[in-house]
Amino acid sequence: MQDNTKGKTLMQLFLSTLYISSFTFGGGFVIITFMKKKFVDELHWIDENEMLDLAALAQSSPGAIAVNAAILVGWRVAGFAGMLTAVIGTIVPPMLILTVISFFYQAFAENLYMALLLKGMQAGVVAVILDVVWGLGGKVVKERSLFLCVVMAAAFVATAVFQVNVILIILAAAVLGVLRAFWNRRASS
């Protein structure tokens, strides 16, 4: 990649992650939706399957999903420089916003209008999370793999009904994926 092209890519990556992080409220799953729309649908830097893989890795790695996703997307787009650029773009807005809020926390906590504003934002966050589930979950269903659909349904039941720790669910799904790959490889030999 030429220096001028790389510089433009890094600037676009920084501005994209800065923008996404500035307007993403409600947690890491929300940022995945915005990242998909920006980096898959708009910029075509990553394909949909790869974004699904990156989202799974970001979720299953320790730390904030938003930062994990920024690390993975940045690395994929522009290597180490892209990773640093994406992380900085992702962490600057929350750091600034939380710094301001920390100074005025007591006023925010006791303000009825702020409480109502946050309740309204929760409804929007739920809609965005459902969009992620519909998009990424639909991609798994479209593969028409009974195995993947059963694992997805079992993971949902385990967390929603039985309150199984998400880490255990991710580890179990990873083990099942490895066992399936081993089985398929052995069967094709």
N, C-alpha and C. Protein backbone atom coordinates (compact mmCIF):
# COMPACT_ATOMS: atom_id res chain seq x y z
N MET A 1 0.85 -1.17 0.00
CA MET A 1 0.00 0.00 0.00
C MET A 1 0.90 1.24 0.00
N GLN A 2 0.65 2.18 -0.91
CA GLN A 2 1.45 3.40 -0.96
C GLN A 2 1.18 4.24 0.27
N ASP A 3 2.19 5.09 0.60
CA ASP A 3 2.05 5.91 1.81
C ASP A 3 0.83 6.81 1.76
N ASN A 4 0.56 7.42 0.60
CA ASN A 4 -0.58 8.33 0.47
C ASN A 4 -1.90 7.57 0.62
N THR A 5 -1.98 6.41 -0.02
CA THR A 5 -3.18 5.58 0.08
C THR A 5 -3.35 5.07 1.51
N LYS A 6 -2.24 4.63 2.12
CA LYS A 6 -2.30 4.14 3.49
C LYS A 6 -2.73 5.25 4.45
N GLY A 7 -2.19 6.44 4.24
CA GLY A 7 -2.58 7.58 5.07
C GLY A 7 -4.06 7.89 4.96
N LYS A 8 -4.59 7.85 3.73
CA LYS A 8 -6.03 8.10 3.53
C LYS A 8 -6.87 7.01 4.19
N THR A 9 -6.41 5.76 4.05
CA THR A 9 -7.12 4.65 4.67
C THR A 9 -7.14 4.79 6.19
N LEU A 10 -5.97 5.13 6.75
CA LEU A 10 -5.89 5.30 8.21
C LEU A 10 -6.77 6.46 8.68
N MET A 11 -6.78 7.55 7.93
CA MET A 11 -7.63 8.70 8.30
C MET A 11 -9.11 8.30 8.22
N GLN A 12 -9.49 7.58 7.17
CA GLN A 12 -10.87 7.14 7.04
C GLN A 12 -11.23 6.15 8.15
N LEU A 13 -10.30 5.28 8.49
CA LEU A 13 -10.51 4.33 9.59
C LEU A 13 -10.69 5.07 10.90
N PHE A 14 -9.82 6.04 11.17
CA PHE A 14 -9.92 6.82 12.41
C PHE A 14 -11.25 7.57 12.48
N LEU A 15 -11.59 8.29 11.42
CA LEU A 15 -12.83 9.07 11.43
C LEU A 15 -14.06 8.17 11.53
N SER A 16 -13.99 7.00 10.89
CA SER A 16 -15.12 6.05 10.96
C SER A 16 -15.30 5.52 12.37
N THR A 17 -14.20 5.08 12.99
CA THR A 17 -14.32 4.54 14.35
C THR A 17 -14.66 5.63 15.36
N LEU A 18 -14.14 6.84 15.13
CA LEU A 18 -14.48 7.97 16.01
C LEU A 18 -15.98 8.26 15.92
N TYR A 19 -16.49 8.31 14.70
CA TYR A 19 -17.92 8.57 14.49
C TYR A 19 -18.78 7.46 15.10
N ILE A 20 -18.43 6.21 14.79
CA ILE A 20 -19.20 5.08 15.30
C ILE A 20 -19.21 5.09 16.82
N SER A 21 -18.05 5.30 17.42
CA SER A 21 -17.96 5.29 18.88
C SER A 21 -18.69 6.47 19.51
N SER A 22 -18.71 7.60 18.82
CA SER A 22 -19.38 8.79 19.35
C SER A 22 -20.89 8.62 19.44
N PHE A 23 -21.45 7.83 18.54
CA PHE A 23 -22.90 7.72 18.48
C PHE A 23 -23.42 6.32 18.80
N THR A 24 -22.60 5.52 19.43
CA THR A 24 -23.00 4.18 19.81
C THR A 24 -23.26 4.13 21.31
N PHE A 25 -24.51 4.00 21.67
CA PHE A 25 -24.89 3.88 23.07
C PHE A 25 -25.52 2.51 23.26
N GLY A 26 -25.19 1.85 24.36
CA GLY A 26 -25.85 0.60 24.67
C GLY A 26 -24.96 -0.62 24.68
N GLY A 27 -23.69 -0.45 24.53
CA GLY A 27 -22.80 -1.60 24.66
C GLY A 27 -22.20 -2.05 23.35
N GLY A 28 -21.37 -3.06 23.48
CA GLY A 28 -20.56 -3.52 22.37
C GLY A 28 -21.32 -4.11 21.20
N PHE A 29 -22.44 -4.77 21.47
CA PHE A 29 -23.18 -5.38 20.37
C PHE A 29 -23.72 -4.32 19.42
N VAL A 30 -24.02 -3.16 19.95
CA VAL A 30 -24.52 -2.07 19.12
C VAL A 30 -23.43 -1.62 18.15
N ILE A 31 -22.19 -1.54 18.62
CA ILE A 31 -21.10 -1.08 17.76
C ILE A 31 -20.84 -2.05 16.61
N ILE A 32 -21.10 -3.33 16.83
CA ILE A 32 -20.92 -4.32 15.76
C ILE A 32 -21.84 -4.01 14.59
N THR A 33 -23.07 -3.60 14.87
CA THR A 33 -24.01 -3.23 13.81
C THR A 33 -23.49 -2.07 13.00
N PHE A 34 -23.02 -1.04 13.70
CA PHE A 34 -22.50 0.13 13.00
C PHE A 34 -21.23 -0.21 12.21
N MET A 35 -20.37 -1.05 12.78
CA MET A 35 -19.16 -1.46 12.08
C MET A 35 -19.51 -2.24 10.82
N LYS A 36 -20.50 -3.13 10.91
CA LYS A 36 -20.91 -3.89 9.74
C LYS A 36 -21.40 -2.96 8.65
N LYS A 37 -22.24 -2.02 9.01
CA LYS A 37 -22.78 -1.10 8.00
C LYS A 37 -21.67 -0.27 7.36
N LYS A 38 -20.70 0.15 8.15
CA LYS A 38 -19.62 1.00 7.63
C LYS A 38 -18.59 0.19 6.85
N PHE A 39 -18.04 -0.85 7.47
CA PHE A 39 -16.89 -1.54 6.89
C PHE A 39 -17.27 -2.66 5.90
N VAL A 40 -18.49 -3.19 6.02
CA VAL A 40 -18.93 -4.24 5.10
C VAL A 40 -19.78 -3.62 3.99
N ASP A 41 -20.86 -2.95 4.38
CA ASP A 41 -21.82 -2.46 3.40
C ASP A 41 -21.35 -1.23 2.65
N GLU A 42 -20.73 -0.29 3.36
CA GLU A 42 -20.37 0.99 2.73
C GLU A 42 -18.96 0.98 2.11
N LEU A 43 -17.95 0.63 2.90
CA LEU A 43 -16.57 0.71 2.42
C LEU A 43 -16.08 -0.58 1.74
N HIS A 44 -16.75 -1.70 2.00
CA HIS A 44 -16.40 -3.00 1.42
C HIS A 44 -14.96 -3.42 1.75
N TRP A 45 -14.51 -3.08 2.94
CA TRP A 45 -13.18 -3.47 3.41
C TRP A 45 -13.19 -4.90 3.93
N ILE A 46 -14.35 -5.36 4.40
CA ILE A 46 -14.50 -6.68 5.02
C ILE A 46 -15.77 -7.29 4.45
N ASP A 47 -15.78 -8.60 4.23
CA ASP A 47 -17.03 -9.22 3.77
C ASP A 47 -17.86 -9.65 4.98
N GLU A 48 -19.10 -10.03 4.70
CA GLU A 48 -20.04 -10.33 5.78
C GLU A 48 -19.60 -11.50 6.66
N ASN A 49 -19.10 -12.56 6.03
CA ASN A 49 -18.64 -13.72 6.81
C ASN A 49 -17.48 -13.34 7.72
N GLU A 50 -16.57 -12.54 7.20
CA GLU A 50 -15.43 -12.13 8.01
C GLU A 50 -15.89 -11.25 9.18
N MET A 51 -16.86 -10.38 8.94
CA MET A 51 -17.39 -9.54 10.03
C MET A 51 -18.04 -10.41 11.09
N LEU A 52 -18.71 -11.46 10.68
CA LEU A 52 -19.32 -12.39 11.63
C LEU A 52 -18.24 -13.05 12.47
N ASP A 53 -17.14 -13.46 11.82
CA ASP A 53 -16.02 -14.06 12.55
C ASP A 53 -15.38 -13.05 13.51
N LEU A 54 -15.18 -11.82 13.04
CA LEU A 54 -14.58 -10.78 13.89
C LEU A 54 -15.47 -10.48 15.09
N ALA A 55 -16.79 -10.44 14.86
CA ALA A 55 -17.72 -10.20 15.97
C ALA A 55 -17.65 -11.32 17.00
N ALA A 56 -17.54 -12.55 16.53
CA ALA A 56 -17.43 -13.70 17.44
C ALA A 56 -16.12 -13.63 18.24
N LEU A 57 -15.04 -13.29 17.57
CA LEU A 57 -13.75 -13.15 18.27
C LEU A 57 -13.78 -11.99 19.27
N ALA A 58 -14.37 -10.87 18.87
CA ALA A 58 -14.45 -9.71 19.77
C ALA A 58 -15.25 -10.04 21.01
N GLN A 59 -16.34 -10.78 20.84
CA GLN A 59 -17.20 -11.17 21.97
C GLN A 59 -16.50 -12.15 22.89
N SER A 60 -15.75 -13.07 22.31
CA SER A 60 -15.18 -14.14 23.12
C SER A 60 -13.82 -13.79 23.72
N SER A 61 -13.29 -12.64 23.38
CA SER A 61 -12.01 -12.20 23.95
C SER A 61 -12.26 -11.34 25.18
N PRO A 62 -11.33 -11.35 26.12
CA PRO A 62 -11.51 -10.50 27.31
C PRO A 62 -11.47 -9.02 26.93
N GLY A 63 -12.25 -8.24 27.64
CA GLY A 63 -12.25 -6.80 27.40
C GLY A 63 -13.54 -6.34 26.74
N ALA A 64 -13.57 -5.05 26.45
CA ALA A 64 -14.75 -4.44 25.85
C ALA A 64 -14.90 -4.88 24.40
N ILE A 65 -16.12 -5.24 24.02
CA ILE A 65 -16.38 -5.69 22.66
C ILE A 65 -16.00 -4.62 21.65
N ALA A 66 -16.33 -3.37 21.95
CA ALA A 66 -16.04 -2.28 21.02
C ALA A 66 -14.55 -2.17 20.73
N VAL A 67 -13.74 -2.23 21.75
CA VAL A 67 -12.29 -2.13 21.58
C VAL A 67 -11.76 -3.38 20.89
N ASN A 68 -12.24 -4.55 21.29
CA ASN A 68 -11.81 -5.80 20.64
C ASN A 68 -12.14 -5.78 19.16
N ALA A 69 -13.35 -5.34 18.83
CA ALA A 69 -13.75 -5.27 17.42
C ALA A 69 -12.90 -4.26 16.66
N ALA A 70 -12.60 -3.14 17.30
CA ALA A 70 -11.75 -2.13 16.66
C ALA A 70 -10.35 -2.69 16.39
N ILE A 71 -9.83 -3.43 17.34
CA ILE A 71 -8.51 -4.06 17.17
C ILE A 71 -8.54 -4.98 15.95
N LEU A 72 -9.54 -5.83 15.87
CA LEU A 72 -9.62 -6.82 14.80
C LEU A 72 -9.85 -6.17 13.44
N VAL A 73 -10.79 -5.22 13.38
CA VAL A 73 -11.08 -4.54 12.11
C VAL A 73 -9.87 -3.71 11.68
N GLY A 74 -9.28 -2.97 12.61
CA GLY A 74 -8.11 -2.15 12.28
C GLY A 74 -6.96 -2.99 11.76
N TRP A 75 -6.70 -4.12 12.42
CA TRP A 75 -5.63 -5.02 11.99
C TRP A 75 -5.92 -5.55 10.59
N ARG A 76 -7.17 -5.94 10.37
CA ARG A 76 -7.56 -6.49 9.07
C ARG A 76 -7.41 -5.45 7.95
N VAL A 77 -7.76 -4.21 8.25
CA VAL A 77 -7.75 -3.17 7.23
C VAL A 77 -6.34 -2.64 6.95
N ALA A 78 -5.54 -2.41 8.00
CA ALA A 78 -4.25 -1.74 7.78
C ALA A 78 -3.15 -2.21 8.72
N GLY A 79 -3.23 -3.45 9.19
CA GLY A 79 -2.16 -3.98 10.01
C GLY A 79 -2.06 -3.28 11.36
N PHE A 80 -0.83 -3.22 11.88
CA PHE A 80 -0.60 -2.67 13.22
C PHE A 80 -1.02 -1.20 13.30
N ALA A 81 -0.69 -0.41 12.29
CA ALA A 81 -1.08 1.01 12.29
C ALA A 81 -2.60 1.15 12.28
N GLY A 82 -3.26 0.28 11.54
CA GLY A 82 -4.73 0.31 11.51
C GLY A 82 -5.33 -0.06 12.85
N MET A 83 -4.71 -1.04 13.52
CA MET A 83 -5.18 -1.44 14.83
C MET A 83 -5.10 -0.27 15.81
N LEU A 84 -3.94 0.39 15.86
CA LEU A 84 -3.77 1.54 16.76
C LEU A 84 -4.75 2.66 16.42
N THR A 85 -4.89 2.93 15.14
CA THR A 85 -5.78 4.00 14.68
C THR A 85 -7.22 3.71 15.08
N ALA A 86 -7.67 2.48 14.84
CA ALA A 86 -9.05 2.11 15.16
C ALA A 86 -9.31 2.15 16.67
N VAL A 87 -8.35 1.69 17.46
CA VAL A 87 -8.52 1.70 18.92
C VAL A 87 -8.59 3.14 19.43
N ILE A 88 -7.72 3.99 18.96
CA ILE A 88 -7.74 5.39 19.40
C ILE A 88 -9.06 6.04 19.01
N GLY A 89 -9.51 5.81 17.78
CA GLY A 89 -10.79 6.36 17.35
C GLY A 89 -11.96 5.84 18.16
N THR A 90 -11.84 4.62 18.64
CA THR A 90 -12.92 4.01 19.41
C THR A 90 -12.94 4.47 20.87
N ILE A 91 -11.78 4.70 21.47
CA ILE A 91 -11.77 5.01 22.90
C ILE A 91 -11.86 6.50 23.22
N VAL A 92 -11.54 7.37 22.27
CA VAL A 92 -11.57 8.81 22.56
C VAL A 92 -12.97 9.30 22.95
N PRO A 93 -14.03 9.02 22.16
CA PRO A 93 -15.35 9.55 22.55
C PRO A 93 -15.83 9.11 23.93
N PRO A 94 -15.79 7.80 24.28
CA PRO A 94 -16.27 7.44 25.62
C PRO A 94 -15.42 8.05 26.73
N MET A 95 -14.11 8.17 26.48
CA MET A 95 -13.26 8.78 27.51
C MET A 95 -13.66 10.23 27.75
N LEU A 96 -13.89 10.98 26.70
CA LEU A 96 -14.29 12.38 26.85
C LEU A 96 -15.67 12.50 27.49
N ILE A 97 -16.62 11.70 27.00
CA ILE A 97 -17.99 11.76 27.53
C ILE A 97 -18.02 11.35 29.00
N LEU A 98 -17.33 10.28 29.35
CA LEU A 98 -17.32 9.83 30.75
C LEU A 98 -16.58 10.80 31.66
N THR A 99 -15.58 11.46 31.14
CA THR A 99 -14.88 12.47 31.94
C THR A 99 -15.84 13.61 32.29
N VAL A 100 -16.59 14.08 31.30
CA VAL A 100 -17.55 15.17 31.55
C VAL A 100 -18.64 14.68 32.50
N ILE A 101 -19.17 13.49 32.26
CA ILE A 101 -20.24 12.97 33.12
C ILE A 101 -19.76 12.79 34.55
N SER A 102 -18.51 12.36 34.73
CA SER A 102 -18.01 12.15 36.09
C SER A 102 -18.00 13.44 36.90
N PHE A 103 -17.75 14.55 36.23
CA PHE A 103 -17.76 15.84 36.93
C PHE A 103 -19.17 16.25 37.35
N PHE A 104 -20.15 15.83 36.56
CA PHE A 104 -21.53 16.24 36.81
C PHE A 104 -22.42 15.06 37.18
N TYR A 105 -21.84 14.00 37.69
CA TYR A 105 -22.59 12.78 37.95
C TYR A 105 -23.79 13.01 38.87
N GLN A 106 -23.58 13.69 39.95
CA GLN A 106 -24.66 13.91 40.91
C GLN A 106 -25.84 14.62 40.27
N ALA A 107 -25.56 15.62 39.44
CA ALA A 107 -26.64 16.34 38.76
C ALA A 107 -27.36 15.41 37.77
N PHE A 108 -26.60 14.58 37.06
CA PHE A 108 -27.22 13.64 36.11
C PHE A 108 -28.07 12.61 36.85
N ALA A 109 -27.55 12.09 37.95
CA ALA A 109 -28.23 11.02 38.68
C ALA A 109 -29.57 11.47 39.25
N GLU A 110 -29.67 12.71 39.61
CA GLU A 110 -30.88 13.21 40.26
C GLU A 110 -31.83 13.92 39.30
N ASN A 111 -31.50 14.02 38.03
CA ASN A 111 -32.30 14.76 37.07
C ASN A 111 -33.35 13.86 36.43
N LEU A 112 -34.62 14.18 36.61
CA LEU A 112 -35.72 13.40 36.07
C LEU A 112 -35.66 13.32 34.54
N TYR A 113 -35.36 14.43 33.90
CA TYR A 113 -35.32 14.46 32.44
C TYR A 113 -34.18 13.59 31.89
N MET A 114 -33.06 13.59 32.57
CA MET A 114 -31.95 12.74 32.15
C MET A 114 -32.33 11.27 32.30
N ALA A 115 -33.02 10.93 33.37
CA ALA A 115 -33.48 9.55 33.58
C ALA A 115 -34.45 9.14 32.46
N LEU A 116 -35.36 10.04 32.10
CA LEU A 116 -36.30 9.74 31.02
C LEU A 116 -35.59 9.62 29.68
N LEU A 117 -34.59 10.47 29.46
CA LEU A 117 -33.80 10.39 28.24
C LEU A 117 -33.10 9.05 28.13
N LEU A 118 -32.53 8.59 29.22
CA LEU A 118 -31.84 7.29 29.22
C LEU A 118 -32.81 6.14 28.99
N LYS A 119 -34.02 6.23 29.55
CA LYS A 119 -35.02 5.18 29.31
C LYS A 119 -35.39 5.12 27.83
N GLY A 120 -35.54 6.29 27.21
CA GLY A 120 -35.84 6.33 25.77
C GLY A 120 -34.71 5.73 24.95
N MET A 121 -33.48 6.00 25.35
CA MET A 121 -32.32 5.46 24.63
C MET A 121 -32.28 3.94 24.74
N GLN A 122 -32.74 3.40 25.86
CA GLN A 122 -32.74 1.94 26.03
C GLN A 122 -33.58 1.27 24.95
N ALA A 123 -34.72 1.88 24.61
CA ALA A 123 -35.59 1.30 23.58
C ALA A 123 -34.87 1.27 22.23
N GLY A 124 -34.16 2.33 21.93
CA GLY A 124 -33.40 2.38 20.68
C GLY A 124 -32.29 1.35 20.66
N VAL A 125 -31.64 1.16 21.79
CA VAL A 125 -30.55 0.19 21.89
C VAL A 125 -31.08 -1.23 21.64
N VAL A 126 -32.23 -1.53 22.19
CA VAL A 126 -32.83 -2.85 21.99
C VAL A 126 -33.08 -3.09 20.50
N ALA A 127 -33.58 -2.08 19.81
CA ALA A 127 -33.84 -2.21 18.38
C ALA A 127 -32.55 -2.48 17.61
N VAL A 128 -31.48 -1.81 17.96
CA VAL A 128 -30.20 -1.99 17.27
C VAL A 128 -29.65 -3.39 17.55
N ILE A 129 -29.77 -3.85 18.79
CA ILE A 129 -29.29 -5.19 19.13
C ILE A 129 -30.10 -6.25 18.36
N LEU A 130 -31.40 -6.05 18.24
CA LEU A 130 -32.22 -6.98 17.45
C LEU A 130 -31.78 -6.99 15.99
N ASP A 131 -31.36 -5.84 15.49
CA ASP A 131 -30.85 -5.76 14.13
C ASP A 131 -29.60 -6.63 13.98
N VAL A 132 -28.73 -6.59 14.97
CA VAL A 132 -27.51 -7.42 14.95
C VAL A 132 -27.90 -8.88 14.95
N VAL A 133 -28.80 -9.26 15.85
CA VAL A 133 -29.22 -10.65 15.95
C VAL A 133 -29.84 -11.11 14.63
N TRP A 134 -30.69 -10.29 14.08
CA TRP A 134 -31.36 -10.63 12.82
C TRP A 134 -30.35 -10.80 11.69
N GLY A 135 -29.41 -9.86 11.59
CA GLY A 135 -28.43 -9.90 10.51
C GLY A 135 -27.44 -11.04 10.66
N LEU A 136 -26.79 -11.13 11.81
CA LEU A 136 -25.76 -12.15 12.00
C LEU A 136 -26.37 -13.54 12.19
N GLY A 137 -27.46 -13.62 12.95
CA GLY A 137 -28.13 -14.90 13.15
C GLY A 137 -28.75 -15.41 11.85
N GLY A 138 -29.29 -14.48 11.08
CA GLY A 138 -29.86 -14.86 9.78
C GLY A 138 -28.81 -15.42 8.85
N LYS A 139 -27.59 -14.90 8.94
CA LYS A 139 -26.49 -15.40 8.11
C LYS A 139 -26.19 -16.86 8.45
N VAL A 140 -26.23 -17.20 9.73
CA VAL A 140 -26.00 -18.59 10.15
C VAL A 140 -27.13 -19.48 9.63
N VAL A 141 -28.37 -19.01 9.73
CA VAL A 141 -29.51 -19.81 9.28
C VAL A 141 -29.45 -20.01 7.77
N LYS A 142 -29.01 -19.00 7.02
CA LYS A 142 -28.94 -19.10 5.56
C LYS A 142 -27.94 -20.15 5.09
N GLU A 143 -26.98 -20.48 5.93
CA GLU A 143 -26.02 -21.53 5.57
C GLU A 143 -26.69 -22.90 5.52
N ARG A 144 -27.89 -23.01 6.05
CA ARG A 144 -28.67 -24.25 6.04
C ARG A 144 -27.91 -25.43 6.66
N SER A 145 -27.22 -25.12 7.72
CA SER A 145 -26.49 -26.15 8.44
C SER A 145 -27.27 -26.49 9.70
N LEU A 146 -27.76 -27.70 9.77
CA LEU A 146 -28.50 -28.14 10.95
C LEU A 146 -27.62 -28.01 12.19
N PHE A 147 -26.36 -28.38 12.07
CA PHE A 147 -25.42 -28.29 13.19
C PHE A 147 -25.35 -26.86 13.73
N LEU A 148 -25.12 -25.89 12.84
CA LEU A 148 -25.00 -24.49 13.30
C LEU A 148 -26.30 -23.98 13.90
N CYS A 149 -27.43 -24.35 13.31
CA CYS A 149 -28.72 -23.90 13.85
C CYS A 149 -28.99 -24.50 15.23
N VAL A 150 -28.63 -25.77 15.42
CA VAL A 150 -28.82 -26.41 16.72
C VAL A 150 -27.91 -25.77 17.76
N VAL A 151 -26.64 -25.51 17.40
CA VAL A 151 -25.72 -24.87 18.34
C VAL A 151 -26.24 -23.48 18.70
N MET A 152 -26.71 -22.71 17.71
CA MET A 152 -27.22 -21.37 17.97
C MET A 152 -28.45 -21.43 18.88
N ALA A 153 -29.38 -22.33 18.60
CA ALA A 153 -30.59 -22.46 19.42
C ALA A 153 -30.24 -22.91 20.84
N ALA A 154 -29.33 -23.88 20.95
CA ALA A 154 -28.92 -24.37 22.28
C ALA A 154 -28.23 -23.27 23.08
N ALA A 155 -27.41 -22.47 22.42
CA ALA A 155 -26.73 -21.36 23.11
C ALA A 155 -27.75 -20.34 23.61
N PHE A 156 -28.76 -20.06 22.78
CA PHE A 156 -29.81 -19.13 23.20
C PHE A 156 -30.57 -19.66 24.41
N VAL A 157 -30.98 -20.91 24.35
CA VAL A 157 -31.72 -21.51 25.47
C VAL A 157 -30.86 -21.54 26.72
N ALA A 158 -29.59 -21.89 26.56
CA ALA A 158 -28.69 -21.96 27.72
C ALA A 158 -28.57 -20.62 28.42
N THR A 159 -28.47 -19.55 27.65
CA THR A 159 -28.32 -18.23 28.29
C THR A 159 -29.66 -17.63 28.72
N ALA A 160 -30.69 -17.75 27.87
CA ALA A 160 -31.97 -17.10 28.17
C ALA A 160 -32.78 -17.85 29.23
N VAL A 161 -32.75 -19.16 29.19
CA VAL A 161 -33.59 -19.95 30.11
C VAL A 161 -32.81 -20.37 31.36
N PHE A 162 -31.60 -20.86 31.14
CA PHE A 162 -30.85 -21.44 32.25
C PHE A 162 -29.77 -20.51 32.82
N GLN A 163 -29.64 -19.30 32.27
CA GLN A 163 -28.67 -18.31 32.72
C GLN A 163 -27.24 -18.86 32.82
N VAL A 164 -26.87 -19.69 31.84
CA VAL A 164 -25.51 -20.23 31.79
C VAL A 164 -24.57 -19.08 31.43
N ASN A 165 -23.44 -19.04 32.06
CA ASN A 165 -22.44 -18.00 31.81
C ASN A 165 -22.06 -17.98 30.34
N VAL A 166 -22.02 -16.80 29.75
CA VAL A 166 -21.72 -16.64 28.33
C VAL A 166 -20.35 -17.23 27.98
N ILE A 167 -19.41 -17.11 28.86
CA ILE A 167 -18.06 -17.65 28.60
C ILE A 167 -18.14 -19.17 28.40
N LEU A 168 -18.92 -19.83 29.25
CA LEU A 168 -19.08 -21.29 29.10
C LEU A 168 -19.75 -21.64 27.78
N ILE A 169 -20.72 -20.85 27.39
CA ILE A 169 -21.42 -21.09 26.12
C ILE A 169 -20.45 -20.92 24.95
N ILE A 170 -19.66 -19.87 24.98
CA ILE A 170 -18.69 -19.63 23.90
C ILE A 170 -17.66 -20.75 23.85
N LEU A 171 -17.16 -21.16 25.01
CA LEU A 171 -16.18 -22.25 25.04
C LEU A 171 -16.80 -23.55 24.52
N ALA A 172 -18.02 -23.84 24.93
CA ALA A 172 -18.68 -25.06 24.47
C ALA A 172 -18.90 -25.01 22.96
N ALA A 173 -19.33 -23.86 22.43
CA ALA A 173 -19.53 -23.73 20.98
C ALA A 173 -18.20 -23.87 20.24
N ALA A 174 -17.13 -23.33 20.80
CA ALA A 174 -15.81 -23.46 20.17
C ALA A 174 -15.38 -24.92 20.13
N VAL A 175 -15.56 -25.62 21.24
CA VAL A 175 -15.20 -27.05 21.30
C VAL A 175 -16.02 -27.84 20.28
N LEU A 176 -17.32 -27.55 20.21
CA LEU A 176 -18.17 -28.24 19.23
C LEU A 176 -17.71 -27.95 17.80
N GLY A 177 -17.32 -26.70 17.54
CA GLY A 177 -16.82 -26.35 16.21
C GLY A 177 -15.54 -27.10 15.86
N VAL A 178 -14.63 -27.21 16.82
CA VAL A 178 -13.39 -27.96 16.59
C VAL A 178 -13.69 -29.43 16.38
N LEU A 179 -14.57 -30.00 17.20
CA LEU A 179 -14.93 -31.41 17.04
C LEU A 179 -15.59 -31.66 15.69
N ARG A 180 -16.43 -30.73 15.27
CA ARG A 180 -17.07 -30.87 13.95
C ARG A 180 -16.03 -30.83 12.83
N ALA A 181 -15.11 -29.89 12.91
CA ALA A 181 -14.06 -29.80 11.89
C ALA A 181 -13.21 -31.07 11.87
N PHE A 182 -12.89 -31.57 13.06
CA PHE A 182 -12.11 -32.82 13.15
C PHE A 182 -12.89 -33.97 12.53
N TRP A 183 -14.16 -34.06 12.86
CA TRP A 183 -15.02 -35.13 12.33
C TRP A 183 -15.11 -35.04 10.81
N ASN A 184 -15.35 -33.83 10.29
CA ASN A 184 -15.44 -33.64 8.84
C ASN A 184 -14.14 -33.99 8.13
N ARG A 185 -13.03 -33.61 8.73
CA ARG A 185 -11.73 -33.89 8.15
C ARG A 185 -11.47 -35.40 8.14
N ARG A 186 -11.83 -36.04 9.24
CA ARG A 186 -11.62 -37.49 9.35
C ARG A 186 -12.53 -38.24 8.38
N ALA A 187 -13.77 -37.75 8.24
CA ALA A 187 -14.73 -38.41 7.34
C ALA A 187 -14.31 -38.26 5.87
N SER A 188 -13.67 -37.14 5.54
CA SER A 188 -13.25 -36.93 4.14
C SER A 188 -11.94 -37.64 3.81
N SER A 189 -11.24 -38.14 4.84
CA SER A 189 -9.96 -38.83 4.59
C SER A 189 -10.14 -40.24 4.11
